[in-house]
Amino acid sequence: MSFSYDFPPYRPPSEAFSMLLRVTRGCPWNKCTFCSMYKMIRFERRKVDEIKRDIDTAYSIYGKAIPRVFIGDSNSLIIKTKDFQDVLLYLYKKFPNLERVTSYARAKTLFKKPIDELKILRKAGLTRLHIGLETGDAELLAEIKKGATPKEMIEGVKKAKQAGFETSVYLLLGIGGNEKWQSHAKGSAYVLNKMDPDFIRVRTLIPQPYSPIYDQMEKGEFVLASPETVLKEEYMIIERLNVHSLYLSDHVSNYLSVEGKLPEDKKRMLSSIKEVLDRLKEDEELKRNFEMKRYLRNL
């Protein structure tokens, strides 16, 4: 048997120990200014038979004792629902011990997809969706070319929850730069409150080569938010959140690991940010360590 296998090139950190299965290649949108992923990949939907061969190959390597699977690339729900259902049913047939099957999903796709089709995919075994919000501010969403409005973001996530999915929503700290951090914080808190997702996962913007915002930064058209600004922004967001979500800082880009269950841990989370903000006023070593974060590449 051939052991060729088409691995997705990207996956969330929380899926580090999941088996990876590629259903699409690339990103059907691929216009977000902050994103450097999939730039060299032409988007395509893989054939169901091709995907099933990868499942067979994975089975020959791992056996049936696989507990978790992450499905890539960037927006698997864009394929035909019947095809995705077929893939999921075959996946569970081969791996009957599966506990979790997750995928990236664009909020705009969720917004447009009929609720009955989402329920079909949930029933077939897709359990959790990773959804990029980045910001809830309407002006910033347009600037970063996210391709969705705050209303579409909210309705897309609410529809996914209605269909029975766990929702993991990503927030991009610093995307407003030093200039628009307050509107980013206020808009994001508002949208997250309307969504009330299962998970809120934060990332901090560190522009990467091959992303439009990196080129804007190099030309002086975008001023990267300072560590202090990012922490003040995060403080404002958490302070305004009224959700029942697990808030996670599970990425190397973040200046501070702020995690907890909301609303129960809000006071402790805010206190930890304030403590670091106070330290930043005098702690030169901490300033240097935070400054080094701004030059991370290949995230």
C-alpha atoms as a PDB file:
ATOM      1  CA  MET A   1       0.000   0.000   0.000  1.00  0.00           C
ATOM      2  CA  SER A   2       1.165   3.527  -0.772  1.00  0.00           C
ATOM      3  CA  PHE A   3       1.721   5.669   2.298  1.00  0.00           C
ATOM      4  CA  SER A   4       1.411   9.036   0.528  1.00  0.00           C
ATOM      5  CA  TYR A   5      -0.722  11.367   2.608  1.00  0.00           C
ATOM      6  CA  ASP A   6      -1.869  14.955   2.027  1.00  0.00           C
ATOM      7  CA  PHE A   7      -1.362  16.642   5.404  1.00  0.00           C
ATOM      8  CA  PRO A   8      -2.924  20.078   6.097  1.00  0.00           C
ATOM      9  CA  PRO A   9      -0.090  22.615   6.535  1.00  0.00           C
ATOM     10  CA  TYR A  10      -1.786  24.433   9.419  1.00  0.00           C
ATOM     11  CA  ARG A  11      -3.829  23.528  12.481  1.00  0.00           C
ATOM     12  CA  PRO A  12      -4.741  25.234  15.786  1.00  0.00           C
ATOM     13  CA  PRO A  13      -2.382  24.646  18.740  1.00  0.00           C
ATOM     14  CA  SER A  14      -5.233  22.905  20.551  1.00  0.00           C
ATOM     15  CA  GLU A  15      -5.182  20.249  17.810  1.00  0.00           C
ATOM     16  CA  ALA A  16      -1.484  19.425  18.291  1.00  0.00           C
ATOM     17  CA  PHE A  17      -2.237  15.780  19.095  1.00  0.00           C
ATOM     18  CA  SER A  18      -5.066  15.301  16.606  1.00  0.00           C
ATOM     19  CA  MET A  19      -4.821  13.273  13.430  1.00  0.00           C
ATOM     20  CA  LEU A  20      -4.842  15.701  10.492  1.00  0.00           C
ATOM     21  CA  LEU A  21      -7.117  15.144   7.506  1.00  0.00           C
ATOM     22  CA  ARG A  22      -7.209  17.435   4.484  1.00  0.00           C
ATOM     23  CA  VAL A  23     -10.601  17.998   2.819  1.00  0.00           C
ATOM     24  CA  THR A  24      -9.756  21.219   0.946  1.00  0.00           C
ATOM     25  CA  ARG A  25      -6.496  22.832  -0.136  1.00  0.00           C
ATOM     26  CA  GLY A  26      -5.862  26.481   0.570  1.00  0.00           C
ATOM     27  CA  CYS A  27      -8.339  29.218   1.435  1.00  0.00           C
ATOM     28  CA  PRO A  28     -11.355  30.169  -0.715  1.00  0.00           C
ATOM     29  CA  TRP A  29     -11.177  33.772   0.566  1.00  0.00           C
ATOM     30  CA  ASN A  30      -7.444  34.390   1.112  1.00  0.00           C
ATOM     31  CA  LYS A  31      -7.728  38.205   1.279  1.00  0.00           C
ATOM     32  CA  CYS A  32      -7.252  38.923   4.996  1.00  0.00           C
ATOM     33  CA  THR A  33      -4.463  41.484   5.361  1.00  0.00           C
ATOM     34  CA  PHE A  34      -3.025  39.953   8.548  1.00  0.00           C
ATOM     35  CA  CYS A  35      -2.751  36.416   7.159  1.00  0.00           C
ATOM     36  CA  SER A  36       0.328  34.878   5.539  1.00  0.00           C
ATOM     37  CA  MET A  37      -1.101  31.348   5.248  1.00  0.00           C
ATOM     38  CA  TYR A  38      -2.044  29.573   2.014  1.00  0.00           C
ATOM     39  CA  LYS A  39      -0.542  32.322  -0.159  1.00  0.00           C
ATOM     40  CA  MET A  40       1.219  29.812  -2.398  1.00  0.00           C
ATOM     41  CA  ILE A  41      -1.735  27.394  -2.606  1.00  0.00           C
ATOM     42  CA  ARG A  42      -4.539  27.601  -5.162  1.00  0.00           C
ATOM     43  CA  PHE A  43      -7.826  26.765  -3.491  1.00  0.00           C
ATOM     44  CA  GLU A  44      -9.427  23.459  -4.428  1.00  0.00           C
ATOM     45  CA  ARG A  45     -11.912  20.965  -3.074  1.00  0.00           C
ATOM     46  CA  ARG A  46     -10.461  17.476  -2.820  1.00  0.00           C
ATOM     47  CA  LYS A  47     -12.385  14.554  -4.294  1.00  0.00           C
ATOM     48  CA  VAL A  48     -14.180  12.331  -1.799  1.00  0.00           C
ATOM     49  CA  ASP A  49     -12.440   9.182  -3.050  1.00  0.00           C
ATOM     50  CA  GLU A  50      -9.080  10.904  -2.626  1.00  0.00           C
ATOM     51  CA  ILE A  51      -9.943  11.870   0.968  1.00  0.00           C
ATOM     52  CA  LYS A  52     -11.087   8.333   1.734  1.00  0.00           C
ATOM     53  CA  ARG A  53      -7.758   6.986   0.498  1.00  0.00           C
ATOM     54  CA  ASP A  54      -6.044   9.257   3.019  1.00  0.00           C
ATOM     55  CA  ILE A  55      -8.334   7.900   5.731  1.00  0.00           C
ATOM     56  CA  ASP A  56      -7.398   4.352   4.688  1.00  0.00           C
ATOM     57  CA  THR A  57      -3.711   5.263   4.801  1.00  0.00           C
ATOM     58  CA  ALA A  58      -4.102   6.801   8.251  1.00  0.00           C
ATOM     59  CA  TYR A  59      -5.848   3.648   9.445  1.00  0.00           C
ATOM     60  CA  SER A  60      -2.996   1.485   8.145  1.00  0.00           C
ATOM     61  CA  ILE A  61      -0.530   3.623  10.107  1.00  0.00           C
ATOM     62  CA  TYR A  62      -2.390   4.292  13.365  1.00  0.00           C
ATOM     63  CA  GLY A  63      -4.975   1.553  13.622  1.00  0.00           C
ATOM     64  CA  LYS A  64      -8.456   2.379  14.845  1.00  0.00           C
ATOM     65  CA  ALA A  65      -7.489   3.882  18.221  1.00  0.00           C
ATOM     66  CA  ILE A  66      -7.551   7.539  17.140  1.00  0.00           C
ATOM     67  CA  PRO A  67      -9.445   9.824  19.570  1.00  0.00           C
ATOM     68  CA  ARG A  68      -9.264  13.162  17.727  1.00  0.00           C
ATOM     69  CA  VAL A  69      -9.182  14.439  14.152  1.00  0.00           C
ATOM     70  CA  PHE A  70      -8.684  17.959  12.796  1.00  0.00           C
ATOM     71  CA  ILE A  71      -9.943  18.622   9.272  1.00  0.00           C
ATOM     72  CA  GLY A  72      -8.175  21.201   7.072  1.00  0.00           C
ATOM     73  CA  ASP A  73      -7.533  23.434   5.259  1.00  0.00           C
ATOM     74  CA  SER A  74      -9.094  26.795   6.076  1.00  0.00           C
ATOM     75  CA  ASN A  75     -12.831  26.389   5.521  1.00  0.00           C
ATOM     76  CA  SER A  76     -13.973  22.787   5.083  1.00  0.00           C
ATOM     77  CA  LEU A  77     -17.664  23.651   5.317  1.00  0.00           C
ATOM     78  CA  ILE A  78     -17.505  25.211   1.860  1.00  0.00           C
ATOM     79  CA  ILE A  79     -17.622  21.763   0.212  1.00  0.00           C
ATOM     80  CA  LYS A  80     -20.953  20.111  -0.586  1.00  0.00           C
ATOM     81  CA  THR A  81     -22.719  19.002   2.572  1.00  0.00           C
ATOM     82  CA  LYS A  82     -23.410  15.559   1.131  1.00  0.00           C
ATOM     83  CA  ASP A  83     -19.702  15.082   0.333  1.00  0.00           C
ATOM     84  CA  PHE A  84     -18.647  16.218   3.818  1.00  0.00           C
ATOM     85  CA  GLN A  85     -21.238  13.935   5.397  1.00  0.00           C
ATOM     86  CA  ASP A  86     -19.886  11.031   3.350  1.00  0.00           C
ATOM     87  CA  VAL A  87     -16.320  11.775   4.533  1.00  0.00           C
ATOM     88  CA  LEU A  88     -17.364  12.031   8.169  1.00  0.00           C
ATOM     89  CA  LEU A  89     -19.332   8.793   8.154  1.00  0.00           C
ATOM     90  CA  TYR A  90     -16.403   6.967   6.543  1.00  0.00           C
ATOM     91  CA  LEU A  91     -14.012   8.511   9.075  1.00  0.00           C
ATOM     92  CA  TYR A  92     -16.075   7.208  12.005  1.00  0.00           C
ATOM     93  CA  LYS A  93     -16.402   3.813  10.335  1.00  0.00           C
ATOM     94  CA  LYS A  94     -12.621   3.503  10.244  1.00  0.00           C
ATOM     95  CA  PHE A  95     -12.035   5.125  13.636  1.00  0.00           C
ATOM     96  CA  PRO A  96     -14.974   4.145  15.890  1.00  0.00           C
ATOM     97  CA  ASN A  97     -13.248   5.496  19.021  1.00  0.00           C
ATOM     98  CA  LEU A  98     -13.331   9.108  17.854  1.00  0.00           C
ATOM     99  CA  GLU A  99     -14.210  11.589  20.596  1.00  0.00           C
ATOM    100  CA  ARG A 100     -13.744  14.835  18.696  1.00  0.00           C
ATOM    101  CA  VAL A 101     -13.645  15.927  15.038  1.00  0.00           C
ATOM    102  CA  THR A 102     -12.982  19.609  14.431  1.00  0.00           C
ATOM    103  CA  SER A 103     -12.460  22.017  11.552  1.00  0.00           C
ATOM    104  CA  TYR A 104     -11.787  25.639  10.688  1.00  0.00           C
ATOM    105  CA  ALA A 105     -14.906  27.477   9.453  1.00  0.00           C
ATOM    106  CA  ARG A 106     -15.475  31.008   8.160  1.00  0.00           C
ATOM    107  CA  ALA A 107     -18.269  32.847   9.946  1.00  0.00           C
ATOM    108  CA  LYS A 108     -19.527  34.087   6.558  1.00  0.00           C
ATOM    109  CA  THR A 109     -19.879  30.479   5.365  1.00  0.00           C
ATOM    110  CA  LEU A 110     -21.798  29.589   8.525  1.00  0.00           C
ATOM    111  CA  PHE A 111     -23.982  32.664   8.034  1.00  0.00           C
ATOM    112  CA  LYS A 112     -24.891  31.559   4.506  1.00  0.00           C
ATOM    113  CA  LYS A 113     -25.178  27.801   5.064  1.00  0.00           C
ATOM    114  CA  PRO A 114     -28.704  26.463   5.816  1.00  0.00           C
ATOM    115  CA  ILE A 115     -29.180  25.377   9.419  1.00  0.00           C
ATOM    116  CA  ASP A 116     -30.482  21.976   8.258  1.00  0.00           C
ATOM    117  CA  GLU A 117     -27.175  21.309   6.475  1.00  0.00           C
ATOM    118  CA  LEU A 118     -25.184  22.287   9.555  1.00  0.00           C
ATOM    119  CA  LYS A 119     -27.270  19.874  11.617  1.00  0.00           C
ATOM    120  CA  ILE A 120     -26.525  17.106   9.093  1.00  0.00           C
ATOM    121  CA  LEU A 121     -22.783  17.644   9.576  1.00  0.00           C
ATOM    122  CA  ARG A 122     -23.136  17.758  13.354  1.00  0.00           C
ATOM    123  CA  LYS A 123     -25.111  14.513  13.326  1.00  0.00           C
ATOM    124  CA  ALA A 124     -22.466  12.937  11.081  1.00  0.00           C
ATOM    125  CA  GLY A 125     -19.843  13.620  13.756  1.00  0.00           C
ATOM    126  CA  LEU A 126     -18.287  17.058  13.227  1.00  0.00           C
ATOM    127  CA  THR A 127     -18.146  18.368  16.788  1.00  0.00           C
ATOM    128  CA  ARG A 128     -16.233  21.653  17.060  1.00  0.00           C
ATOM    129  CA  LEU A 129     -15.628  24.622  14.752  1.00  0.00           C
ATOM    130  CA  HIS A 130     -12.646  27.013  14.934  1.00  0.00           C
ATOM    131  CA  ILE A 131     -13.844  30.439  13.746  1.00  0.00           C
ATOM    132  CA  GLY A 132     -11.762  33.563  13.196  1.00  0.00           C
ATOM    133  CA  LEU A 133     -13.438  36.730  14.467  1.00  0.00           C
ATOM    134  CA  GLU A 134     -10.217  38.788  14.818  1.00  0.00           C
ATOM    135  CA  THR A 135     -12.186  41.948  15.716  1.00  0.00           C
ATOM    136  CA  GLY A 136     -15.765  42.978  16.300  1.00  0.00           C
ATOM    137  CA  ASP A 137     -15.211  46.527  15.080  1.00  0.00           C
ATOM    138  CA  ALA A 138     -16.975  47.050  11.725  1.00  0.00           C
ATOM    139  CA  GLU A 139     -14.422  49.542  10.393  1.00  0.00           C
ATOM    140  CA  LEU A 140     -11.480  47.311  11.270  1.00  0.00           C
ATOM    141  CA  LEU A 141     -13.156  44.225   9.783  1.00  0.00           C
ATOM    142  CA  ALA A 142     -13.407  46.100   6.489  1.00  0.00           C
ATOM    143  CA  GLU A 143      -9.826  47.390   6.713  1.00  0.00           C
ATOM    144  CA  ILE A 144      -8.362  43.934   7.272  1.00  0.00           C
ATOM    145  CA  LYS A 145     -10.587  42.553   4.489  1.00  0.00           C
ATOM    146  CA  LYS A 146     -12.132  39.866   6.654  1.00  0.00           C
ATOM    147  CA  GLY A 147     -15.079  39.604   4.280  1.00  0.00           C
ATOM    148  CA  ALA A 148     -17.814  39.659   6.929  1.00  0.00           C
ATOM    149  CA  THR A 149     -19.676  42.225   9.013  1.00  0.00           C
ATOM    150  CA  PRO A 150     -20.119  42.063  12.798  1.00  0.00           C
ATOM    151  CA  LYS A 151     -23.746  41.023  12.262  1.00  0.00           C
ATOM    152  CA  GLU A 152     -22.701  38.178   9.935  1.00  0.00           C
ATOM    153  CA  MET A 153     -20.055  37.073  12.417  1.00  0.00           C
ATOM    154  CA  ILE A 154     -22.588  36.998  15.243  1.00  0.00           C
ATOM    155  CA  GLU A 155     -25.291  35.205  13.266  1.00  0.00           C
ATOM    156  CA  GLY A 156     -22.815  32.673  11.851  1.00  0.00           C
ATOM    157  CA  VAL A 157     -21.585  31.628  15.292  1.00  0.00           C
ATOM    158  CA  LYS A 158     -25.093  31.605  16.761  1.00  0.00           C
ATOM    159  CA  LYS A 159     -26.242  29.360  13.920  1.00  0.00           C
ATOM    160  CA  ALA A 160     -23.342  26.965  14.558  1.00  0.00           C
ATOM    161  CA  LYS A 161     -24.324  26.807  18.241  1.00  0.00           C
ATOM    162  CA  GLN A 162     -27.957  26.221  17.296  1.00  0.00           C
ATOM    163  CA  ALA A 163     -26.840  23.276  15.145  1.00  0.00           C
ATOM    164  CA  GLY A 164     -25.089  21.780  18.189  1.00  0.00           C
ATOM    165  CA  PHE A 165     -21.424  22.605  17.482  1.00  0.00           C
ATOM    166  CA  GLU A 166     -18.880  23.664  20.067  1.00  0.00           C
ATOM    167  CA  THR A 167     -17.593  27.060  18.919  1.00  0.00           C
ATOM    168  CA  SER A 168     -13.996  28.206  19.349  1.00  0.00           C
ATOM    169  CA  VAL A 169     -13.687  31.884  18.356  1.00  0.00           C
ATOM    170  CA  TYR A 170     -10.342  33.595  17.716  1.00  0.00           C
ATOM    171  CA  LEU A 171      -9.598  37.190  18.694  1.00  0.00           C
ATOM    172  CA  LEU A 172      -6.568  39.040  17.316  1.00  0.00           C
ATOM    173  CA  LEU A 173      -5.103  41.434  19.880  1.00  0.00           C
ATOM    174  CA  GLY A 174      -3.323  44.449  18.414  1.00  0.00           C
ATOM    175  CA  ILE A 175      -5.069  44.383  15.026  1.00  0.00           C
ATOM    176  CA  GLY A 176      -6.101  48.031  15.525  1.00  0.00           C
ATOM    177  CA  GLY A 177      -2.500  49.120  16.046  1.00  0.00           C
ATOM    178  CA  ASN A 178      -1.718  51.920  18.496  1.00  0.00           C
ATOM    179  CA  GLU A 179      -4.448  54.099  17.001  1.00  0.00           C
ATOM    180  CA  LYS A 180      -7.644  52.009  17.086  1.00  0.00           C
ATOM    181  CA  TRP A 181      -7.169  49.748  20.082  1.00  0.00           C
ATOM    182  CA  GLN A 182     -10.150  51.118  22.004  1.00  0.00           C
ATOM    183  CA  SER A 183     -12.650  50.710  19.151  1.00  0.00           C
ATOM    184  CA  HIS A 184     -11.239  47.208  18.573  1.00  0.00           C
ATOM    185  CA  ALA A 185     -11.674  46.330  22.249  1.00  0.00           C
ATOM    186  CA  LYS A 186     -15.190  47.735  22.554  1.00  0.00           C
ATOM    187  CA  GLY A 187     -16.420  46.232  19.274  1.00  0.00           C
ATOM    188  CA  SER A 188     -14.893  42.842  20.012  1.00  0.00           C
ATOM    189  CA  ALA A 189     -16.417  42.634  23.487  1.00  0.00           C
ATOM    190  CA  TYR A 190     -19.818  43.565  22.066  1.00  0.00           C
ATOM    191  CA  VAL A 191     -19.684  40.871  19.363  1.00  0.00           C
ATOM    192  CA  LEU A 192     -18.336  38.199  21.710  1.00  0.00           C
ATOM    193  CA  ASN A 193     -21.116  38.944  24.170  1.00  0.00           C
ATOM    194  CA  LYS A 194     -23.668  38.401  21.396  1.00  0.00           C
ATOM    195  CA  MET A 195     -21.965  35.150  20.307  1.00  0.00           C
ATOM    196  CA  ASP A 196     -21.262  33.725  23.778  1.00  0.00           C
ATOM    197  CA  PRO A 197     -18.954  31.045  22.290  1.00  0.00           C
ATOM    198  CA  ASP A 198     -17.702  27.972  24.137  1.00  0.00           C
ATOM    199  CA  PHE A 199     -14.080  29.114  23.750  1.00  0.00           C
ATOM    200  CA  ILE A 200     -12.451  32.516  23.210  1.00  0.00           C
ATOM    201  CA  ARG A 201      -8.884  32.091  22.015  1.00  0.00           C
ATOM    202  CA  VAL A 202      -6.609  35.129  21.787  1.00  0.00           C
ATOM    203  CA  ARG A 203      -3.670  35.714  19.483  1.00  0.00           C
ATOM    204  CA  THR A 204      -1.472  38.826  19.296  1.00  0.00           C
ATOM    205  CA  LEU A 205      -0.758  40.372  15.917  1.00  0.00           C
ATOM    206  CA  ILE A 206       2.872  39.906  14.901  1.00  0.00           C
ATOM    207  CA  PRO A 207       2.901  40.688  11.161  1.00  0.00           C
ATOM    208  CA  GLN A 208       4.457  37.898   9.137  1.00  0.00           C
ATOM    209  CA  PRO A 209       6.246  38.108   5.776  1.00  0.00           C
ATOM    210  CA  TYR A 210       3.925  37.516   2.784  1.00  0.00           C
ATOM    211  CA  SER A 211       1.015  39.171   4.575  1.00  0.00           C
ATOM    212  CA  PRO A 212      -0.276  42.559   3.326  1.00  0.00           C
ATOM    213  CA  ILE A 213      -0.146  44.064   6.815  1.00  0.00           C
ATOM    214  CA  TYR A 214       3.563  43.182   7.045  1.00  0.00           C
ATOM    215  CA  ASP A 215       4.151  45.197   3.872  1.00  0.00           C
ATOM    216  CA  GLN A 216       2.071  48.053   5.329  1.00  0.00           C
ATOM    217  CA  MET A 217       4.183  47.983   8.484  1.00  0.00           C
ATOM    218  CA  GLU A 218       7.430  48.017   6.480  1.00  0.00           C
ATOM    219  CA  LYS A 219       6.187  51.089   4.575  1.00  0.00           C
ATOM    220  CA  GLY A 220       5.173  52.848   7.787  1.00  0.00           C
ATOM    221  CA  GLU A 221       1.477  52.685   6.875  1.00  0.00           C
ATOM    222  CA  PHE A 222       0.654  50.545   9.924  1.00  0.00           C
ATOM    223  CA  VAL A 223       2.083  51.148  13.404  1.00  0.00           C
ATOM    224  CA  LEU A 224       2.284  47.993  15.473  1.00  0.00           C
ATOM    225  CA  ALA A 225       0.645  48.289  18.875  1.00  0.00           C
ATOM    226  CA  SER A 226       3.055  48.416  21.810  1.00  0.00           C
ATOM    227  CA  PRO A 227       2.977  45.634  24.417  1.00  0.00           C
ATOM    228  CA  GLU A 228       1.419  48.104  26.865  1.00  0.00           C
ATOM    229  CA  THR A 229      -1.334  48.970  24.382  1.00  0.00           C
ATOM    230  CA  VAL A 230      -2.076  45.295  23.712  1.00  0.00           C
ATOM    231  CA  LEU A 231      -2.397  44.555  27.430  1.00  0.00           C
ATOM    232  CA  LYS A 232      -4.613  47.612  27.997  1.00  0.00           C
ATOM    233  CA  GLU A 233      -6.741  46.445  25.085  1.00  0.00           C
ATOM    234  CA  GLU A 234      -7.048  42.931  26.509  1.00  0.00           C
ATOM    235  CA  TYR A 235      -7.960  44.364  29.915  1.00  0.00           C
ATOM    236  CA  MET A 236     -10.758  46.429  28.354  1.00  0.00           C
ATOM    237  CA  ILE A 237     -12.098  43.439  26.423  1.00  0.00           C
ATOM    238  CA  ILE A 238     -12.209  41.117  29.433  1.00  0.00           C
ATOM    239  CA  GLU A 239     -13.670  43.869  31.619  1.00  0.00           C
ATOM    240  CA  ARG A 240     -16.582  44.237  29.163  1.00  0.00           C
ATOM    241  CA  LEU A 241     -17.205  40.535  28.553  1.00  0.00           C
ATOM    242  CA  ASN A 242     -20.459  39.054  29.770  1.00  0.00           C
ATOM    243  CA  VAL A 243     -20.123  35.497  28.468  1.00  0.00           C
ATOM    244  CA  HIS A 244     -20.039  31.910  29.666  1.00  0.00           C
ATOM    245  CA  SER A 245     -16.848  30.989  27.831  1.00  0.00           C
ATOM    246  CA  LEU A 246     -13.452  29.474  28.466  1.00  0.00           C
ATOM    247  CA  TYR A 247     -10.925  32.239  27.727  1.00  0.00           C
ATOM    248  CA  LEU A 248      -7.602  30.846  26.500  1.00  0.00           C
ATOM    249  CA  SER A 249      -4.227  32.361  25.642  1.00  0.00           C
ATOM    250  CA  ASP A 250      -2.739  29.297  23.952  1.00  0.00           C
ATOM    251  CA  HIS A 251      -0.296  30.869  21.504  1.00  0.00           C
ATOM    252  CA  VAL A 252       3.359  31.922  21.564  1.00  0.00           C
ATOM    253  CA  SER A 253       2.498  35.374  20.173  1.00  0.00           C
ATOM    254  CA  ASN A 254       0.794  36.511  23.382  1.00  0.00           C
ATOM    255  CA  TYR A 255       2.631  38.681  25.891  1.00  0.00           C
ATOM    256  CA  LEU A 256       0.808  37.218  28.861  1.00  0.00           C
ATOM    257  CA  SER A 257      -0.964  33.916  29.445  1.00  0.00           C
ATOM    258  CA  VAL A 258      -4.379  35.040  30.670  1.00  0.00           C
ATOM    259  CA  GLU A 259      -6.783  32.136  31.007  1.00  0.00           C
ATOM    260  CA  GLY A 260      -9.921  31.323  32.906  1.00  0.00           C
ATOM    261  CA  LYS A 261     -13.594  30.520  32.920  1.00  0.00           C
ATOM    262  CA  LEU A 262     -15.854  33.523  32.465  1.00  0.00           C
ATOM    263  CA  PRO A 263     -17.486  35.050  34.373  1.00  0.00           C
ATOM    264  CA  GLU A 264     -16.103  33.214  37.410  1.00  0.00           C
ATOM    265  CA  ASP A 265     -12.421  34.093  36.862  1.00  0.00           C
ATOM    266  CA  LYS A 266     -12.803  37.623  35.481  1.00  0.00           C
ATOM    267  CA  LYS A 267     -11.518  39.400  38.599  1.00  0.00           C
ATOM    268  CA  ARG A 268      -8.393  37.214  38.787  1.00  0.00           C
ATOM    269  CA  MET A 269      -7.706  37.620  35.046  1.00  0.00           C
ATOM    270  CA  LEU A 270      -8.000  41.402  35.193  1.00  0.00           C
ATOM    271  CA  SER A 271      -5.777  41.505  38.275  1.00  0.00           C
ATOM    272  CA  SER A 272      -3.017  39.548  36.487  1.00  0.00           C
ATOM    273  CA  ILE A 273      -3.045  41.975  33.542  1.00  0.00           C
ATOM    274  CA  LYS A 274      -2.979  45.015  35.823  1.00  0.00           C
ATOM    275  CA  GLU A 275      -0.046  43.567  37.743  1.00  0.00           C
ATOM    276  CA  VAL A 276       1.998  43.192  34.547  1.00  0.00           C
ATOM    277  CA  LEU A 277       1.003  46.657  33.314  1.00  0.00           C
ATOM    278  CA  ASP A 278       2.288  48.101  36.592  1.00  0.00           C
ATOM    279  CA  ARG A 279       5.539  46.132  36.273  1.00  0.00           C
ATOM    280  CA  LEU A 280       6.074  47.413  32.731  1.00  0.00           C
ATOM    281  CA  LYS A 281       6.525  50.946  34.054  1.00  0.00           C
ATOM    282  CA  GLU A 282       9.807  50.041  35.759  1.00  0.00           C
ATOM    283  CA  ASP A 283      10.909  46.524  34.772  1.00  0.00           C
ATOM    284  CA  GLU A 284      13.397  46.984  31.911  1.00  0.00           C
ATOM    285  CA  GLU A 285      14.013  43.242  31.493  1.00  0.00           C
ATOM    286  CA  LEU A 286      10.283  42.611  31.068  1.00  0.00           C
ATOM    287  CA  LYS A 287      10.138  45.404  28.489  1.00  0.00           C
ATOM    288  CA  ARG A 288      13.005  43.800  26.551  1.00  0.00           C
ATOM    289  CA  ASN A 289      11.383  40.358  26.678  1.00  0.00           C
ATOM    290  CA  PHE A 290       8.097  41.736  25.387  1.00  0.00           C
ATOM    291  CA  GLU A 291       9.873  43.720  22.694  1.00  0.00           C
ATOM    292  CA  MET A 292      11.540  40.525  21.404  1.00  0.00           C
ATOM    293  CA  LYS A 293       8.074  39.028  20.820  1.00  0.00           C
ATOM    294  CA  ARG A 294       7.403  41.643  18.174  1.00  0.00           C
ATOM    295  CA  TYR A 295      10.043  40.129  15.897  1.00  0.00           C
ATOM    296  CA  LEU A 296       8.884  36.506  15.919  1.00  0.00           C
ATOM    297  CA  ARG A 297       8.605  35.063  12.428  1.00  0.00           C
ATOM    298  CA  ASN A 298       7.142  31.834  10.996  1.00  0.00           C
ATOM    299  CA  LEU A 299       4.405  31.639  13.615  1.00  0.00           C
END
